[in-house]
Amino acid sequence: MKAEATKVCLMPAAGMTAFALAVGFYAYGTSTGTVASLYSTLGNLVGVSVGLGLPALEAIRARRAMYMLRLERLRETVTVVNISRGLADEANAALCSGACDCSYFQRTYNYSQIEHAIRLVDQIEPVSSTRHADDAVVDTRRDLRTFFSLLHGAASDFRDCQAVPEGGIASLVTSYGNVAHDIDCLETECRRLKEKIDFWHLALKT
């Protein structure tokens, strides 16, 4: 991609250099007035090419700035999501590892923390960067809510029966897998945006 950007930027310069050399050779057999006229024309052409190049540079800068803003917003989303993921990780490790450790509900489970995490996640809006990024935000918000809803159900079962049914544990395992997948998608979108920013940064340099 870098090579393509360099080629596009160098082609006008190469053309103008070749044209200047041709004018120089031709000048040996022409009058001073004609040479002055030719070089005046060359100057005008160079000015036009520079003038046309400036809007292109501004467009590149604007595109790069747009991607930087979107990346910042998406990273903020990932930061908020990871607060909830920390709570989900604790529950998954305690309840969904094949052996139900019900001490989680006695020592670790914190309803108010989970409710606060859900409120934070519900406030997240799609970042309008790409369809994939927006879908990842929506899916993450939905699947985190589903996981915590199932966790609340497991807490109720434990409170009533001092045990969590195997079916409830299986549902939590599946739900946690969905959450982990969604967050991986969000982080992938961050990397894609970073790659786009790096590309347009190189385009500015070349």
Protein backbone atom coordinates (compact mmCIF):
# COMPACT_ATOMS: atom_id res chain seq x y z
CA MET A 1 0.00 0.00 0.00
CA LYS A 2 2.92 2.31 0.81
CA ALA A 3 4.43 1.70 -2.62
CA GLU A 4 1.17 2.70 -4.33
CA ALA A 5 0.94 5.94 -2.35
CA THR A 6 4.58 6.76 -3.24
CA LYS A 7 3.98 6.05 -6.92
CA VAL A 8 0.97 8.34 -7.06
CA CYS A 9 2.87 11.16 -5.39
CA LEU A 10 6.02 10.81 -7.53
CA MET A 11 4.39 10.62 -10.97
CA PRO A 12 3.61 14.37 -11.31
CA ALA A 13 7.10 15.28 -10.12
CA ALA A 14 8.74 12.89 -12.57
CA GLY A 15 6.66 14.25 -15.44
CA MET A 16 7.58 17.84 -14.64
CA THR A 17 11.29 16.93 -14.42
CA ALA A 18 11.21 15.27 -17.83
CA PHE A 19 9.41 18.26 -19.27
CA ALA A 20 12.01 20.63 -17.77
CA LEU A 21 14.86 18.67 -19.35
CA ALA A 22 13.15 18.72 -22.72
CA VAL A 23 12.73 22.48 -22.48
CA GLY A 24 16.39 22.83 -21.54
CA PHE A 25 17.61 20.91 -24.58
CA TYR A 26 15.25 22.76 -26.86
CA ALA A 27 16.44 26.10 -25.49
CA TYR A 28 19.85 25.71 -27.11
CA GLY A 29 18.32 26.30 -30.53
CA THR A 30 15.88 29.06 -29.74
CA SER A 31 16.00 32.75 -29.06
CA THR A 32 16.25 34.28 -25.57
CA GLY A 33 12.66 35.54 -25.75
CA THR A 34 11.37 32.12 -26.67
CA VAL A 35 13.32 30.52 -23.85
CA ALA A 36 11.90 33.04 -21.38
CA SER A 37 8.41 32.28 -22.64
CA LEU A 38 8.93 28.55 -22.29
CA TYR A 39 10.25 28.83 -18.76
CA SER A 40 7.37 31.13 -17.86
CA THR A 41 4.96 28.49 -19.10
CA LEU A 42 6.86 25.82 -17.14
CA GLY A 43 6.57 27.91 -13.99
CA ASN A 44 2.84 28.23 -14.48
CA LEU A 45 2.49 24.47 -14.91
CA VAL A 46 4.48 23.80 -11.76
CA GLY A 47 2.29 26.28 -9.89
CA VAL A 48 -0.86 24.53 -11.11
CA SER A 49 0.47 21.11 -10.10
CA VAL A 50 1.36 22.36 -6.62
CA GLY A 51 -2.04 24.02 -6.32
CA LEU A 52 -3.77 20.78 -7.24
CA GLY A 53 -1.62 18.86 -4.74
CA LEU A 54 -2.60 20.97 -1.74
CA PRO A 55 -6.28 19.88 -1.66
CA ALA A 56 -5.11 16.24 -1.91
CA LEU A 57 -2.86 16.70 1.13
CA GLU A 58 -5.68 18.34 3.06
CA ALA A 59 -7.96 15.43 2.17
CA ILE A 60 -5.36 12.97 3.48
CA ARG A 61 -4.98 14.93 6.71
CA ALA A 62 -8.75 15.09 7.16
CA ARG A 63 -9.15 11.35 6.57
CA ARG A 64 -6.37 10.55 9.04
CA ALA A 65 -7.89 12.87 11.66
CA MET A 66 -11.28 11.20 11.18
CA TYR A 67 -9.81 7.73 11.77
CA MET A 68 -7.91 8.99 14.83
CA LEU A 69 -11.16 10.31 16.34
CA ARG A 70 -12.97 7.05 15.65
CA LEU A 71 -10.13 5.04 17.15
CA GLU A 72 -10.20 7.17 20.30
CA ARG A 73 -13.94 6.61 20.70
CA LEU A 74 -13.63 2.88 20.06
CA ARG A 75 -10.84 2.56 22.61
CA GLU A 76 -13.01 4.36 25.16
CA THR A 77 -15.72 1.79 24.45
CA VAL A 78 -13.27 -1.08 24.97
CA THR A 79 -12.16 0.46 28.27
CA VAL A 80 -15.74 0.62 29.55
CA VAL A 81 -16.48 -2.91 28.33
CA ASN A 82 -13.39 -4.30 30.07
CA ILE A 83 -14.74 -3.10 33.42
CA SER A 84 -17.69 -5.44 32.90
CA ARG A 85 -15.48 -8.13 31.45
CA GLY A 86 -13.47 -8.19 34.68
CA LEU A 87 -16.62 -9.07 36.60
CA ALA A 88 -17.59 -11.66 34.00
CA ASP A 89 -14.08 -13.21 34.18
CA GLU A 90 -14.42 -13.64 37.95
CA ALA A 91 -17.78 -15.34 37.61
CA ASN A 92 -16.64 -17.52 34.72
CA ALA A 93 -13.55 -18.67 36.60
CA ALA A 94 -15.57 -19.50 39.72
CA LEU A 95 -18.67 -21.07 38.16
CA CYS A 96 -17.95 -22.17 34.60
CA SER A 97 -14.71 -24.13 34.90
CA GLY A 98 -16.34 -27.53 35.18
CA ALA A 99 -16.72 -27.52 38.93
CA CYS A 100 -19.28 -25.17 40.44
CA ASP A 101 -17.59 -23.19 43.18
CA CYS A 102 -20.59 -21.82 45.03
CA SER A 103 -18.34 -19.88 47.39
CA TYR A 104 -18.36 -17.26 44.62
CA PHE A 105 -21.85 -16.17 45.74
CA GLN A 106 -20.75 -16.04 49.35
CA ARG A 107 -17.53 -14.04 48.87
CA THR A 108 -17.26 -12.41 45.44
CA TYR A 109 -20.67 -11.88 43.88
CA ASN A 110 -21.59 -8.19 44.13
CA TYR A 111 -24.98 -7.25 42.72
CA SER A 112 -24.41 -3.48 42.92
CA GLN A 113 -21.09 -3.72 41.04
CA ILE A 114 -22.75 -5.70 38.26
CA GLU A 115 -25.66 -3.27 38.02
CA HIS A 116 -23.21 -0.37 37.76
CA ALA A 117 -21.28 -2.17 35.00
CA ILE A 118 -24.51 -2.79 33.08
CA ARG A 119 -25.43 0.90 33.28
CA LEU A 120 -22.01 1.84 31.87
CA VAL A 121 -22.36 -0.64 29.02
CA ASP A 122 -25.89 0.54 28.22
CA GLN A 123 -24.57 4.07 27.72
CA ILE A 124 -22.20 2.96 24.97
CA GLU A 125 -23.21 4.11 21.50
CA PRO A 126 -21.93 2.76 18.16
CA VAL A 127 -18.88 4.72 17.01
CA SER A 128 -20.05 5.06 13.37
CA SER A 129 -16.64 4.04 12.05
CA THR A 130 -17.50 0.87 10.16
CA ARG A 131 -20.43 -1.49 10.07
CA HIS A 132 -18.26 -4.17 11.71
CA ALA A 133 -17.32 -1.85 14.59
CA ASP A 134 -20.93 -0.79 15.15
CA ASP A 135 -22.12 -4.41 15.07
CA ALA A 136 -19.40 -5.38 17.55
CA VAL A 137 -20.52 -2.65 19.97
CA VAL A 138 -24.19 -3.69 19.73
CA ASP A 139 -23.35 -7.40 20.12
CA THR A 140 -21.09 -6.76 23.12
CA ARG A 141 -23.72 -4.68 24.87
CA ARG A 142 -26.38 -7.36 24.30
CA ASP A 143 -24.23 -10.36 25.27
CA LEU A 144 -22.85 -8.75 28.44
CA ARG A 145 -26.41 -8.04 29.54
CA THR A 146 -27.37 -11.65 28.79
CA PHE A 147 -24.43 -13.01 30.78
CA PHE A 148 -25.19 -10.89 33.84
CA SER A 149 -28.87 -11.74 33.62
CA LEU A 150 -27.97 -15.44 33.71
CA LEU A 151 -25.60 -14.74 36.60
CA HIS A 152 -28.42 -13.08 38.55
CA GLY A 153 -30.52 -16.18 37.91
CA ALA A 154 -27.72 -18.40 39.19
CA ALA A 155 -27.45 -16.24 42.31
CA SER A 156 -31.18 -16.69 42.95
CA ASP A 157 -30.85 -20.45 42.52
CA PHE A 158 -27.97 -20.53 44.98
CA ARG A 159 -29.88 -18.42 47.49
CA ASP A 160 -32.89 -20.74 47.26
CA CYS A 161 -31.17 -24.11 47.00
CA GLN A 162 -27.52 -23.52 47.92
CA ALA A 163 -26.66 -24.88 44.46
CA VAL A 164 -26.66 -23.85 40.81
CA PRO A 165 -28.23 -26.28 38.30
CA GLU A 166 -25.95 -27.76 35.63
CA GLY A 167 -28.13 -26.22 32.94
CA GLY A 168 -27.52 -22.77 34.42
CA ILE A 169 -23.77 -23.35 34.43
CA ALA A 170 -23.85 -24.52 30.79
CA SER A 171 -25.75 -21.40 29.77
CA LEU A 172 -23.19 -19.19 31.53
CA VAL A 173 -20.34 -20.99 29.76
CA THR A 174 -21.93 -20.35 26.36
CA SER A 175 -22.82 -16.77 27.20
CA TYR A 176 -19.30 -15.99 28.41
CA GLY A 177 -17.92 -17.38 25.15
CA ASN A 178 -20.12 -14.94 23.23
CA VAL A 179 -18.88 -12.03 25.37
CA ALA A 180 -15.24 -12.98 24.83
CA HIS A 181 -15.82 -13.23 21.07
CA ASP A 182 -17.51 -9.82 20.95
CA ILE A 183 -14.67 -8.13 22.81
CA ASP A 184 -12.13 -9.76 20.48
CA CYS A 185 -14.07 -8.22 17.58
CA LEU A 186 -13.89 -4.78 19.21
CA GLU A 187 -10.14 -5.09 19.68
CA THR A 188 -9.76 -6.26 16.07
CA GLU A 189 -11.58 -3.12 14.89
CA CYS A 190 -9.16 -1.03 16.96
CA ARG A 191 -6.23 -2.65 15.17
CA ARG A 192 -7.84 -2.06 11.76
CA LEU A 193 -8.36 1.62 12.49
CA LYS A 194 -4.75 1.89 13.70
CA GLU A 195 -3.54 0.35 10.43
CA LYS A 196 -5.56 2.90 8.45
CA ILE A 197 -4.09 5.75 10.48
CA ASP A 198 -0.58 4.43 9.85
CA PHE A 199 -1.28 4.16 6.11
CA TRP A 200 -2.49 7.76 5.78
CA HIS A 201 0.44 8.91 7.93
CA LEU A 202 2.82 7.33 5.40
CA ALA A 203 0.84 8.89 2.55
CA LEU A 204 1.47 12.33 4.06
CA LYS A 205 5.19 11.67 4.30
CA THR A 206 5.53 10.50 0.71
